[in-house]
Amino acid sequence: MNKVKSRIKAVTVEELSVIGRKIVTLKGIEIGIFFVNGSYYAWRNLCPHAAAPVCEGVVCGTRLPSLVYQYEYGRDQEILRCPWHGWEFGLTDGKHLVEGGVKLRGYEVEVEGNDIYVLM
């Protein structure tokens, strides 16, 4: 049996375009809403490693795979680094950068006019 998802207004497009991310509480769950490369993403504010408030972490880039002694930086503003232990997750897919089987809990996002909704 398929569950019907609730569509809950989380933030406005205008507000998120100014601040880049916002942590909201919907149905008693903290969720970080992020604007990355023209798209919106919603992640539960809970690191799978140690239950840290992951969405409060630094949004940055990371070192890309490269040859020995060559350090290539990339994915700028696409990586979320957990504030407690530094675990890094891709903001567009929620996956841990090293352990692909570990990922953030995500939610679907819909935009209607100036409003951003999370489907739960």
PDB file of N, CA and C in Angstrom:
ATOM      1  N   MET A   1       0.837  -1.179   0.000  1.00  0.00           N
ATOM      2  CA  MET A   1       0.000   0.000   0.000  1.00  0.00           C
ATOM      3  C   MET A   1       0.890   1.253   0.000  1.00  0.00           C
ATOM      4  N   ASN A   2       0.668   2.156  -0.920  1.00  0.00           N
ATOM      5  CA  ASN A   2       1.443   3.397  -1.008  1.00  0.00           C
ATOM      6  C   ASN A   2       0.900   4.428  -0.036  1.00  0.00           C
ATOM      7  N   LYS A   3       1.829   5.064   0.687  1.00  0.00           N
ATOM      8  CA  LYS A   3       1.438   6.137   1.590  1.00  0.00           C
ATOM      9  C   LYS A   3       1.307   7.425   0.801  1.00  0.00           C
ATOM     10  N   VAL A   4       0.337   8.230   1.159  1.00  0.00           N
ATOM     11  CA  VAL A   4       0.179   9.543   0.552  1.00  0.00           C
ATOM     12  C   VAL A   4       1.110  10.497   1.286  1.00  0.00           C
ATOM     13  N   LYS A   5       1.912  11.235   0.535  1.00  0.00           N
ATOM     14  CA  LYS A   5       2.863  12.164   1.138  1.00  0.00           C
ATOM     15  C   LYS A   5       2.201  13.506   1.389  1.00  0.00           C
ATOM     16  N   SER A   6       2.557  14.093   2.518  1.00  0.00           N
ATOM     17  CA  SER A   6       2.097  15.447   2.845  1.00  0.00           C
ATOM     18  C   SER A   6       2.999  16.445   2.142  1.00  0.00           C
ATOM     19  N   ARG A   7       2.406  17.494   1.644  1.00  0.00           N
ATOM     20  CA  ARG A   7       3.146  18.571   0.986  1.00  0.00           C
ATOM     21  C   ARG A   7       3.129  19.762   1.934  1.00  0.00           C
ATOM     22  N   ILE A   8       4.309  20.111   2.474  1.00  0.00           N
ATOM     23  CA  ILE A   8       4.386  21.126   3.516  1.00  0.00           C
ATOM     24  C   ILE A   8       5.272  22.278   3.055  1.00  0.00           C
ATOM     25  N   LYS A   9       4.735  23.496   3.173  1.00  0.00           N
ATOM     26  CA  LYS A   9       5.525  24.675   2.803  1.00  0.00           C
ATOM     27  C   LYS A   9       6.675  24.822   3.789  1.00  0.00           C
ATOM     28  N   ALA A  10       7.902  24.981   3.250  1.00  0.00           N
ATOM     29  CA  ALA A  10       9.091  25.034   4.096  1.00  0.00           C
ATOM     30  C   ALA A  10       9.753  26.406   4.115  1.00  0.00           C
ATOM     31  N   VAL A  11       9.833  27.044   2.954  1.00  0.00           N
ATOM     32  CA  VAL A  11      10.569  28.306   2.836  1.00  0.00           C
ATOM     33  C   VAL A  11      10.181  28.928   1.490  1.00  0.00           C
ATOM     34  N   THR A  12      10.540  30.188   1.287  1.00  0.00           N
ATOM     35  CA  THR A  12      10.278  30.812  -0.009  1.00  0.00           C
ATOM     36  C   THR A  12      11.541  30.788  -0.860  1.00  0.00           C
ATOM     37  N   VAL A  13      11.346  30.818  -2.155  1.00  0.00           N
ATOM     38  CA  VAL A  13      12.465  30.869  -3.103  1.00  0.00           C
ATOM     39  C   VAL A  13      13.316  32.099  -2.816  1.00  0.00           C
ATOM     40  N   GLU A  14      12.661  33.211  -2.595  1.00  0.00           N
ATOM     41  CA  GLU A  14      13.366  34.470  -2.338  1.00  0.00           C
ATOM     42  C   GLU A  14      14.256  34.362  -1.094  1.00  0.00           C
ATOM     43  N   GLU A  15      13.706  33.833  -0.021  1.00  0.00           N
ATOM     44  CA  GLU A  15      14.472  33.705   1.224  1.00  0.00           C
ATOM     45  C   GLU A  15      15.673  32.779   1.044  1.00  0.00           C
ATOM     46  N   LEU A  16      15.470  31.643   0.386  1.00  0.00           N
ATOM     47  CA  LEU A  16      16.557  30.680   0.212  1.00  0.00           C
ATOM     48  C   LEU A  16      17.629  31.201  -0.740  1.00  0.00           C
ATOM     49  N   SER A  17      17.240  32.017  -1.720  1.00  0.00           N
ATOM     50  CA  SER A  17      18.237  32.552  -2.654  1.00  0.00           C
ATOM     51  C   SER A  17      19.188  33.515  -1.941  1.00  0.00           C
ATOM     52  N   VAL A  18      18.729  34.128  -0.864  1.00  0.00           N
ATOM     53  CA  VAL A  18      19.562  35.060  -0.104  1.00  0.00           C
ATOM     54  C   VAL A  18      20.487  34.308   0.854  1.00  0.00           C
ATOM     55  N   ILE A  19      19.953  33.304   1.559  1.00  0.00           N
ATOM     56  CA  ILE A  19      20.741  32.637   2.599  1.00  0.00           C
ATOM     57  C   ILE A  19      21.356  31.310   2.160  1.00  0.00           C
ATOM     58  N   GLY A  20      20.868  30.713   1.056  1.00  0.00           N
ATOM     59  CA  GLY A  20      21.465  29.487   0.523  1.00  0.00           C
ATOM     60  C   GLY A  20      21.004  28.202   1.171  1.00  0.00           C
ATOM     61  N   ARG A  21      20.629  28.273   2.441  1.00  0.00           N
ATOM     62  CA  ARG A  21      20.085  27.108   3.150  1.00  0.00           C
ATOM     63  C   ARG A  21      19.252  27.576   4.326  1.00  0.00           C
ATOM     64  N   LYS A  22      18.341  26.708   4.727  1.00  0.00           N
ATOM     65  CA  LYS A  22      17.532  27.004   5.908  1.00  0.00           C
ATOM     66  C   LYS A  22      17.166  25.685   6.562  1.00  0.00           C
ATOM     67  N   ILE A  23      17.258  25.671   7.888  1.00  0.00           N
ATOM     68  CA  ILE A  23      16.842  24.493   8.643  1.00  0.00           C
ATOM     69  C   ILE A  23      15.461  24.784   9.204  1.00  0.00           C
ATOM     70  N   VAL A  24      14.519  23.890   8.900  1.00  0.00           N
ATOM     71  CA  VAL A  24      13.134  24.047   9.329  1.00  0.00           C
ATOM     72  C   VAL A  24      12.712  22.792  10.091  1.00  0.00           C
ATOM     73  N   THR A  25      11.660  22.908  10.873  1.00  0.00           N
ATOM     74  CA  THR A  25      11.091  21.748  11.558  1.00  0.00           C
ATOM     75  C   THR A  25       9.723  21.477  10.953  1.00  0.00           C
ATOM     76  N   LEU A  26       9.575  20.317  10.344  1.00  0.00           N
ATOM     77  CA  LEU A  26       8.325  19.909   9.723  1.00  0.00           C
ATOM     78  C   LEU A  26       7.910  18.567  10.318  1.00  0.00           C
ATOM     79  N   LYS A  27       6.696  18.504  10.825  1.00  0.00           N
ATOM     80  CA  LYS A  27       6.193  17.280  11.471  1.00  0.00           C
ATOM     81  C   LYS A  27       7.153  16.788  12.553  1.00  0.00           C
ATOM     82  N   GLY A  28       7.769  17.709  13.280  1.00  0.00           N
ATOM     83  CA  GLY A  28       8.672  17.364  14.365  1.00  0.00           C
ATOM     84  C   GLY A  28      10.062  16.910  13.934  1.00  0.00           C
ATOM     85  N   ILE A  29      10.380  17.030  12.638  1.00  0.00           N
ATOM     86  CA  ILE A  29      11.670  16.596  12.109  1.00  0.00           C
ATOM     87  C   ILE A  29      12.422  17.808  11.564  1.00  0.00           C
ATOM     88  N   GLU A  30      13.688  17.968  11.990  1.00  0.00           N
ATOM     89  CA  GLU A  30      14.508  19.050  11.451  1.00  0.00           C
ATOM     90  C   GLU A  30      15.020  18.668  10.070  1.00  0.00           C
ATOM     91  N   ILE A  31      14.817  19.573   9.108  1.00  0.00           N
ATOM     92  CA  ILE A  31      15.215  19.328   7.724  1.00  0.00           C
ATOM     93  C   ILE A  31      15.960  20.555   7.212  1.00  0.00           C
ATOM     94  N   GLY A  32      17.091  20.310   6.549  1.00  0.00           N
ATOM     95  CA  GLY A  32      17.838  21.387   5.921  1.00  0.00           C
ATOM     96  C   GLY A  32      17.440  21.488   4.464  1.00  0.00           C
ATOM     97  N   ILE A  33      17.057  22.680   4.039  1.00  0.00           N
ATOM     98  CA  ILE A  33      16.704  22.937   2.639  1.00  0.00           C
ATOM     99  C   ILE A  33      17.876  23.706   2.032  1.00  0.00           C
ATOM    100  N   PHE A  34      18.395  23.218   0.902  1.00  0.00           N
ATOM    101  CA  PHE A  34      19.575  23.807   0.272  1.00  0.00           C
ATOM    102  C   PHE A  34      19.283  24.163  -1.178  1.00  0.00           C
ATOM    103  N   PHE A  35      19.899  25.240  -1.640  1.00  0.00           N
ATOM    104  CA  PHE A  35      19.855  25.653  -3.043  1.00  0.00           C
ATOM    105  C   PHE A  35      21.243  25.409  -3.613  1.00  0.00           C
ATOM    106  N   VAL A  36      21.339  24.446  -4.548  1.00  0.00           N
ATOM    107  CA  VAL A  36      22.639  24.043  -5.102  1.00  0.00           C
ATOM    108  C   VAL A  36      22.541  23.989  -6.624  1.00  0.00           C
ATOM    109  N   ASN A  37      23.351  24.788  -7.280  1.00  0.00           N
ATOM    110  CA  ASN A  37      23.421  24.785  -8.754  1.00  0.00           C
ATOM    111  C   ASN A  37      22.051  24.874  -9.415  1.00  0.00           C
ATOM    112  N   GLY A  38      21.197  25.730  -8.898  1.00  0.00           N
ATOM    113  CA  GLY A  38      19.897  25.964  -9.509  1.00  0.00           C
ATOM    114  C   GLY A  38      18.800  24.998  -9.109  1.00  0.00           C
ATOM    115  N   SER A  39      19.069  24.065  -8.205  1.00  0.00           N
ATOM    116  CA  SER A  39      18.062  23.096  -7.756  1.00  0.00           C
ATOM    117  C   SER A  39      17.957  23.121  -6.238  1.00  0.00           C
ATOM    118  N   TYR A  40      16.838  22.589  -5.738  1.00  0.00           N
ATOM    119  CA  TYR A  40      16.564  22.565  -4.306  1.00  0.00           C
ATOM    120  C   TYR A  40      16.635  21.135  -3.782  1.00  0.00           C
ATOM    121  N   TYR A  41      17.211  20.997  -2.581  1.00  0.00           N
ATOM    122  CA  TYR A  41      17.376  19.687  -1.958  1.00  0.00           C
ATOM    123  C   TYR A  41      16.992  19.787  -0.492  1.00  0.00           C
ATOM    124  N   ALA A  42      16.393  18.723   0.036  1.00  0.00           N
ATOM    125  CA  ALA A  42      15.993  18.677   1.446  1.00  0.00           C
ATOM    126  C   ALA A  42      16.596  17.433   2.088  1.00  0.00           C
ATOM    127  N   TRP A  43      17.332  17.645   3.182  1.00  0.00           N
ATOM    128  CA  TRP A  43      17.997  16.551   3.896  1.00  0.00           C
ATOM    129  C   TRP A  43      17.653  16.613   5.375  1.00  0.00           C
ATOM    130  N   ARG A  44      17.429  15.444   5.958  1.00  0.00           N
ATOM    131  CA  ARG A  44      17.184  15.385   7.401  1.00  0.00           C
ATOM    132  C   ARG A  44      18.433  15.862   8.124  1.00  0.00           C
ATOM    133  N   ASN A  45      18.240  16.672   9.148  1.00  0.00           N
ATOM    134  CA  ASN A  45      19.349  17.267   9.885  1.00  0.00           C
ATOM    135  C   ASN A  45      19.894  16.269  10.915  1.00  0.00           C
ATOM    136  N   LEU A  46      20.358  15.129  10.408  1.00  0.00           N
ATOM    137  CA  LEU A  46      20.839  14.059  11.278  1.00  0.00           C
ATOM    138  C   LEU A  46      21.929  13.282  10.544  1.00  0.00           C
ATOM    139  N   CYS A  47      23.157  13.393  11.028  1.00  0.00           N
ATOM    140  CA  CYS A  47      24.264  12.665  10.401  1.00  0.00           C
ATOM    141  C   CYS A  47      24.126  11.170  10.699  1.00  0.00           C
ATOM    142  N   PRO A  48      24.259  10.316   9.692  1.00  0.00           N
ATOM    143  CA  PRO A  48      24.144   8.868   9.926  1.00  0.00           C
ATOM    144  C   PRO A  48      25.290   8.304  10.762  1.00  0.00           C
ATOM    145  N   HIS A  49      26.353   9.061  10.936  1.00  0.00           N
ATOM    146  CA  HIS A  49      27.503   8.585  11.714  1.00  0.00           C
ATOM    147  C   HIS A  49      27.241   8.654  13.219  1.00  0.00           C
ATOM    148  N   ALA A  50      26.894   9.851  13.725  1.00  0.00           N
ATOM    149  CA  ALA A  50      26.746  10.005  15.173  1.00  0.00           C
ATOM    150  C   ALA A  50      25.584  10.925  15.546  1.00  0.00           C
ATOM    151  N   ALA A  51      24.599  11.036  14.666  1.00  0.00           N
ATOM    152  CA  ALA A  51      23.379  11.819  14.912  1.00  0.00           C
ATOM    153  C   ALA A  51      23.636  13.309  15.132  1.00  0.00           C
ATOM    154  N   ALA A  52      24.707  13.828  14.565  1.00  0.00           N
ATOM    155  CA  ALA A  52      25.009  15.255  14.665  1.00  0.00           C
ATOM    156  C   ALA A  52      24.038  16.056  13.794  1.00  0.00           C
ATOM    157  N   PRO A  53      23.891  17.357  14.079  1.00  0.00           N
ATOM    158  CA  PRO A  53      23.061  18.225  13.238  1.00  0.00           C
ATOM    159  C   PRO A  53      23.815  18.570  11.944  1.00  0.00           C
ATOM    160  N   VAL A  54      23.855  17.644  11.032  1.00  0.00           N
ATOM    161  CA  VAL A  54      24.689  17.723   9.830  1.00  0.00           C
ATOM    162  C   VAL A  54      24.402  18.954   8.975  1.00  0.00           C
ATOM    163  N   CYS A  55      23.156  19.381   8.921  1.00  0.00           N
ATOM    164  CA  CYS A  55      22.799  20.516   8.059  1.00  0.00           C
ATOM    165  C   CYS A  55      23.339  21.847   8.572  1.00  0.00           C
ATOM    166  N   GLU A  56      23.885  21.858   9.781  1.00  0.00           N
ATOM    167  CA  GLU A  56      24.516  23.054  10.322  1.00  0.00           C
ATOM    168  C   GLU A  56      25.977  23.148   9.907  1.00  0.00           C
ATOM    169  N   GLY A  57      26.488  22.127   9.227  1.00  0.00           N
ATOM    170  CA  GLY A  57      27.889  22.085   8.837  1.00  0.00           C
ATOM    171  C   GLY A  57      28.234  23.039   7.707  1.00  0.00           C
ATOM    172  N   VAL A  58      29.510  23.091   7.416  1.00  0.00           N
ATOM    173  CA  VAL A  58      30.045  23.956   6.365  1.00  0.00           C
ATOM    174  C   VAL A  58      29.644  23.411   4.991  1.00  0.00           C
ATOM    175  N   VAL A  59      29.220  24.296   4.105  1.00  0.00           N
ATOM    176  CA  VAL A  59      28.986  23.948   2.705  1.00  0.00           C
ATOM    177  C   VAL A  59      30.245  24.372   1.965  1.00  0.00           C
ATOM    178  N   CYS A  60      30.874  23.426   1.269  1.00  0.00           N
ATOM    179  CA  CYS A  60      32.179  23.686   0.672  1.00  0.00           C
ATOM    180  C   CYS A  60      32.364  22.826  -0.573  1.00  0.00           C
ATOM    181  N   GLY A  61      33.595  22.680  -0.986  1.00  0.00           N
ATOM    182  CA  GLY A  61      33.974  21.767  -2.051  1.00  0.00           C
ATOM    183  C   GLY A  61      34.874  20.702  -1.451  1.00  0.00           C
ATOM    184  N   THR A  62      35.545  19.964  -2.313  1.00  0.00           N
ATOM    185  CA  THR A  62      36.410  18.899  -1.812  1.00  0.00           C
ATOM    186  C   THR A  62      37.548  18.658  -2.787  1.00  0.00           C
ATOM    187  N   ARG A  63      38.498  17.862  -2.357  1.00  0.00           N
ATOM    188  CA  ARG A  63      39.594  17.477  -3.237  1.00  0.00           C
ATOM    189  C   ARG A  63      39.106  16.372  -4.159  1.00  0.00           C
ATOM    190  N   LEU A  64      39.322  16.545  -5.437  1.00  0.00           N
ATOM    191  CA  LEU A  64      38.902  15.565  -6.439  1.00  0.00           C
ATOM    192  C   LEU A  64      39.985  14.508  -6.622  1.00  0.00           C
ATOM    193  N   PRO A  65      39.602  13.320  -7.098  1.00  0.00           N
ATOM    194  CA  PRO A  65      40.630  12.319  -7.403  1.00  0.00           C
ATOM    195  C   PRO A  65      41.620  12.890  -8.404  1.00  0.00           C
ATOM    196  N   SER A  66      42.895  12.741  -8.101  1.00  0.00           N
ATOM    197  CA  SER A  66      43.928  13.290  -8.979  1.00  0.00           C
ATOM    198  C   SER A  66      45.216  12.498  -8.792  1.00  0.00           C
ATOM    199  N   LEU A  67      46.204  12.813  -9.588  1.00  0.00           N
ATOM    200  CA  LEU A  67      47.481  12.125  -9.529  1.00  0.00           C
ATOM    201  C   LEU A  67      48.225  12.441  -8.243  1.00  0.00           C
ATOM    202  N   VAL A  68      49.196  11.630  -7.899  1.00  0.00           N
ATOM    203  CA  VAL A  68      50.002  11.841  -6.707  1.00  0.00           C
ATOM    204  C   VAL A  68      50.626  13.238  -6.737  1.00  0.00           C
ATOM    205  N   TYR A  69      50.572  13.932  -5.623  1.00  0.00           N
ATOM    206  CA  TYR A  69      51.101  15.285  -5.441  1.00  0.00           C
ATOM    207  C   TYR A  69      50.366  16.356  -6.251  1.00  0.00           C
ATOM    208  N   GLN A  70      49.261  15.985  -6.840  1.00  0.00           N
ATOM    209  CA  GLN A  70      48.420  16.978  -7.510  1.00  0.00           C
ATOM    210  C   GLN A  70      47.121  17.052  -6.716  1.00  0.00           C
ATOM    211  N   TYR A  71      46.775  18.233  -6.315  1.00  0.00           N
ATOM    212  CA  TYR A  71      45.580  18.418  -5.508  1.00  0.00           C
ATOM    213  C   TYR A  71      44.595  19.297  -6.263  1.00  0.00           C
ATOM    214  N   GLU A  72      43.563  18.690  -6.761  1.00  0.00           N
ATOM    215  CA  GLU A  72      42.571  19.411  -7.550  1.00  0.00           C
ATOM    216  C   GLU A  72      41.304  19.597  -6.723  1.00  0.00           C
ATOM    217  N   TYR A  73      40.928  20.856  -6.540  1.00  0.00           N
ATOM    218  CA  TYR A  73      39.733  21.209  -5.777  1.00  0.00           C
ATOM    219  C   TYR A  73      38.548  21.294  -6.724  1.00  0.00           C
ATOM    220  N   GLY A  74      37.380  20.813  -6.287  1.00  0.00           N
ATOM    221  CA  GLY A  74      36.196  20.882  -7.134  1.00  0.00           C
ATOM    222  C   GLY A  74      34.917  20.718  -6.329  1.00  0.00           C
ATOM    223  N   ARG A  75      33.805  20.669  -7.049  1.00  0.00           N
ATOM    224  CA  ARG A  75      32.473  20.525  -6.459  1.00  0.00           C
ATOM    225  C   ARG A  75      32.201  21.629  -5.427  1.00  0.00           C
ATOM    226  N   ASP A  76      32.692  22.824  -5.718  1.00  0.00           N
ATOM    227  CA  ASP A  76      32.531  23.946  -4.803  1.00  0.00           C
ATOM    228  C   ASP A  76      31.050  24.198  -4.518  1.00  0.00           C
ATOM    229  N   GLN A  77      30.731  24.386  -3.246  1.00  0.00           N
ATOM    230  CA  GLN A  77      29.370  24.632  -2.760  1.00  0.00           C
ATOM    231  C   GLN A  77      28.425  23.446  -3.002  1.00  0.00           C
ATOM    232  N   GLU A  78      28.976  22.239  -3.215  1.00  0.00           N
ATOM    233  CA  GLU A  78      28.167  21.031  -3.416  1.00  0.00           C
ATOM    234  C   GLU A  78      28.365  19.997  -2.317  1.00  0.00           C
ATOM    235  N   ILE A  79      29.231  20.295  -1.346  1.00  0.00           N
ATOM    236  CA  ILE A  79      29.568  19.339  -0.302  1.00  0.00           C
ATOM    237  C   ILE A  79      29.137  19.889   1.052  1.00  0.00           C
ATOM    238  N   LEU A  80      28.522  19.033   1.868  1.00  0.00           N
ATOM    239  CA  LEU A  80      28.138  19.384   3.225  1.00  0.00           C
ATOM    240  C   LEU A  80      29.035  18.612   4.183  1.00  0.00           C
ATOM    241  N   ARG A  81      29.761  19.340   5.031  1.00  0.00           N
ATOM    242  CA  ARG A  81      30.689  18.721   5.982  1.00  0.00           C
ATOM    243  C   ARG A  81      30.067  18.748   7.379  1.00  0.00           C
ATOM    244  N   CYS A  82      29.908  17.579   7.970  1.00  0.00           N
ATOM    245  CA  CYS A  82      29.313  17.469   9.302  1.00  0.00           C
ATOM    246  C   CYS A  82      30.144  18.255  10.325  1.00  0.00           C
ATOM    247  N   PRO A  83      29.476  19.033  11.181  1.00  0.00           N
ATOM    248  CA  PRO A  83      30.219  19.864  12.128  1.00  0.00           C
ATOM    249  C   PRO A  83      30.894  19.085  13.257  1.00  0.00           C
ATOM    250  N   TRP A  84      30.509  17.870  13.509  1.00  0.00           N
ATOM    251  CA  TRP A  84      31.109  17.131  14.618  1.00  0.00           C
ATOM    252  C   TRP A  84      32.377  16.382  14.235  1.00  0.00           C
ATOM    253  N   HIS A  85      32.338  15.601  13.170  1.00  0.00           N
ATOM    254  CA  HIS A  85      33.482  14.742  12.830  1.00  0.00           C
ATOM    255  C   HIS A  85      33.990  14.923  11.407  1.00  0.00           C
ATOM    256  N   GLY A  86      33.438  15.869  10.674  1.00  0.00           N
ATOM    257  CA  GLY A  86      33.951  16.186   9.354  1.00  0.00           C
ATOM    258  C   GLY A  86      33.528  15.253   8.234  1.00  0.00           C
ATOM    259  N   TRP A  87      32.554  14.366   8.485  1.00  0.00           N
ATOM    260  CA  TRP A  87      32.091  13.501   7.397  1.00  0.00           C
ATOM    261  C   TRP A  87      31.521  14.390   6.297  1.00  0.00           C
ATOM    262  N   GLU A  88      31.819  14.061   5.034  1.00  0.00           N
ATOM    263  CA  GLU A  88      31.379  14.877   3.907  1.00  0.00           C
ATOM    264  C   GLU A  88      30.351  14.145   3.052  1.00  0.00           C
ATOM    265  N   PHE A  89      29.301  14.888   2.681  1.00  0.00           N
ATOM    266  CA  PHE A  89      28.205  14.341   1.889  1.00  0.00           C
ATOM    267  C   PHE A  89      27.937  15.247   0.695  1.00  0.00           C
ATOM    268  N   GLY A  90      27.585  14.653  -0.437  1.00  0.00           N
ATOM    269  CA  GLY A  90      27.196  15.426  -1.604  1.00  0.00           C
ATOM    270  C   GLY A  90      25.810  16.000  -1.393  1.00  0.00           C
ATOM    271  N   LEU A  91      25.653  17.291  -1.610  1.00  0.00           N
ATOM    272  CA  LEU A  91      24.353  17.920  -1.414  1.00  0.00           C
ATOM    273  C   LEU A  91      23.346  17.567  -2.502  1.00  0.00           C
ATOM    274  N   THR A  92      23.802  17.086  -3.648  1.00  0.00           N
ATOM    275  CA  THR A  92      22.869  16.764  -4.718  1.00  0.00           C
ATOM    276  C   THR A  92      22.380  15.312  -4.665  1.00  0.00           C
ATOM    277  N   ASP A  93      23.123  14.440  -3.971  1.00  0.00           N
ATOM    278  CA  ASP A  93      22.690  13.039  -3.881  1.00  0.00           C
ATOM    279  C   ASP A  93      22.680  12.486  -2.458  1.00  0.00           C
ATOM    280  N   GLY A  94      23.213  13.236  -1.500  1.00  0.00           N
ATOM    281  CA  GLY A  94      23.217  12.815  -0.104  1.00  0.00           C
ATOM    282  C   GLY A  94      24.244  11.765   0.254  1.00  0.00           C
ATOM    283  N   LYS A  95      25.019  11.308  -0.719  1.00  0.00           N
ATOM    284  CA  LYS A  95      25.970  10.218  -0.478  1.00  0.00           C
ATOM    285  C   LYS A  95      27.233  10.699   0.215  1.00  0.00           C
ATOM    286  N   HIS A  96      27.717   9.854   1.132  1.00  0.00           N
ATOM    287  CA  HIS A  96      29.009  10.085   1.777  1.00  0.00           C
ATOM    288  C   HIS A  96      30.072   9.993   0.693  1.00  0.00           C
ATOM    289  N   LEU A  97      31.080  10.848   0.735  1.00  0.00           N
ATOM    290  CA  LEU A  97      32.063  10.904  -0.346  1.00  0.00           C
ATOM    291  C   LEU A  97      32.956   9.671  -0.426  1.00  0.00           C
ATOM    292  N   VAL A  98      33.092   8.918   0.667  1.00  0.00           N
ATOM    293  CA  VAL A  98      33.951   7.735   0.647  1.00  0.00           C
ATOM    294  C   VAL A  98      33.131   6.446   0.672  1.00  0.00           C
ATOM    295  N   GLU A  99      32.205   6.360   1.595  1.00  0.00           N
ATOM    296  CA  GLU A  99      31.361   5.168   1.743  1.00  0.00           C
ATOM    297  C   GLU A  99      30.046   5.393   1.012  1.00  0.00           C
ATOM    298  N   GLY A 100      29.965   4.964  -0.241  1.00  0.00           N
ATOM    299  CA  GLY A 100      28.785   5.209  -1.072  1.00  0.00           C
ATOM    300  C   GLY A 100      27.491   4.649  -0.517  1.00  0.00           C
ATOM    301  N   GLY A 101      27.574   3.635   0.354  1.00  0.00           N
ATOM    302  CA  GLY A 101      26.377   3.046   0.940  1.00  0.00           C
ATOM    303  C   GLY A 101      25.806   3.866   2.085  1.00  0.00           C
ATOM    304  N   VAL A 102      26.553   4.868   2.542  1.00  0.00           N
ATOM    305  CA  VAL A 102      26.103   5.729   3.629  1.00  0.00           C
ATOM    306  C   VAL A 102      25.584   7.012   3.006  1.00  0.00           C
ATOM    307  N   LYS A 103      24.362   7.398   3.376  1.00  0.00           N
ATOM    308  CA  LYS A 103      23.836   8.638   2.813  1.00  0.00           C
ATOM    309  C   LYS A 103      22.862   9.302   3.767  1.00  0.00           C
ATOM    310  N   LEU A 104      22.614  10.568   3.488  1.00  0.00           N
ATOM    311  CA  LEU A 104      21.655  11.340   4.252  1.00  0.00           C
ATOM    312  C   LEU A 104      20.245  10.935   3.865  1.00  0.00           C
ATOM    313  N   ARG A 105      19.306  11.137   4.769  1.00  0.00           N
ATOM    314  CA  ARG A 105      17.900  10.882   4.485  1.00  0.00           C
ATOM    315  C   ARG A 105      17.343  12.098   3.766  1.00  0.00           C
ATOM    316  N   GLY A 106      16.863  11.883   2.547  1.00  0.00           N
ATOM    317  CA  GLY A 106      16.381  13.001   1.742  1.00  0.00           C
ATOM    318  C   GLY A 106      14.880  13.011   1.575  1.00  0.00           C
ATOM    319  N   TYR A 107      14.373  14.162   1.163  1.00  0.00           N
ATOM    320  CA  TYR A 107      12.951  14.354   0.918  1.00  0.00           C
ATOM    321  C   TYR A 107      12.774  15.036  -0.430  1.00  0.00           C
ATOM    322  N   GLU A 108      11.688  14.729  -1.100  1.00  0.00           N
ATOM    323  CA  GLU A 108      11.377  15.383  -2.371  1.00  0.00           C
ATOM    324  C   GLU A 108      11.018  16.840  -2.116  1.00  0.00           C
ATOM    325  N   VAL A 109      11.374  17.678  -3.080  1.00  0.00           N
ATOM    326  CA  VAL A 109      11.105  19.111  -2.994  1.00  0.00           C
ATOM    327  C   VAL A 109      10.315  19.525  -4.229  1.00  0.00           C
ATOM    328  N   GLU A 110       9.312  20.369  -4.017  1.00  0.00           N
ATOM    329  CA  GLU A 110       8.541  20.946  -5.127  1.00  0.00           C
ATOM    330  C   GLU A 110       8.531  22.457  -4.977  1.00  0.00           C
ATOM    331  N   VAL A 111       8.578  23.133  -6.112  1.00  0.00           N
ATOM    332  CA  VAL A 111       8.527  24.591  -6.117  1.00  0.00           C
ATOM    333  C   VAL A 111       7.271  25.016  -6.868  1.00  0.00           C
ATOM    334  N   GLU A 112       6.527  25.908  -6.243  1.00  0.00           N
ATOM    335  CA  GLU A 112       5.325  26.454  -6.879  1.00  0.00           C
ATOM    336  C   GLU A 112       5.326  27.952  -6.644  1.00  0.00           C
ATOM    337  N   GLY A 113       5.535  28.702  -7.719  1.00  0.00           N
ATOM    338  CA  GLY A 113       5.633  30.147  -7.581  1.00  0.00           C
ATOM    339  C   GLY A 113       6.848  30.500  -6.746  1.00  0.00           C
ATOM    340  N   ASN A 114       6.622  31.213  -5.639  1.00  0.00           N
ATOM    341  CA  ASN A 114       7.712  31.621  -4.745  1.00  0.00           C
ATOM    342  C   ASN A 114       7.843  30.691  -3.535  1.00  0.00           C
ATOM    343  N   ASP A 115       7.064  29.612  -3.496  1.00  0.00           N
ATOM    344  CA  ASP A 115       7.051  28.734  -2.333  1.00  0.00           C
ATOM    345  C   ASP A 115       7.764  27.409  -2.609  1.00  0.00           C
ATOM    346  N   ILE A 116       8.519  26.958  -1.607  1.00  0.00           N
ATOM    347  CA  ILE A 116       9.218  25.667  -1.693  1.00  0.00           C
ATOM    348  C   ILE A 116       8.551  24.734  -0.702  1.00  0.00           C
ATOM    349  N   TYR A 117       8.147  23.573  -1.199  1.00  0.00           N
ATOM    350  CA  TYR A 117       7.461  22.562  -0.393  1.00  0.00           C
ATOM    351  C   TYR A 117       8.328  21.321  -0.248  1.00  0.00           C
ATOM    352  N   VAL A 118       8.181  20.650   0.895  1.00  0.00           N
ATOM    353  CA  VAL A 118       8.838  19.366   1.120  1.00  0.00           C
ATOM    354  C   VAL A 118       7.737  18.313   1.189  1.00  0.00           C
ATOM    355  N   LEU A 119       7.940  17.184   0.503  1.00  0.00           N
ATOM    356  CA  LEU A 119       7.005  16.086   0.534  1.00  0.00           C
ATOM    357  C   LEU A 119       7.462  15.081   1.575  1.00  0.00           C
ATOM    358  N   MET A 120       6.584  14.820   2.544  1.00  0.00           N
ATOM    359  CA  MET A 120       6.937  13.909   3.635  1.00  0.00           C
ATOM    360  C   MET A 120       5.913  12.786   3.735  1.00  0.00           C
TER     361      MET A 120
END
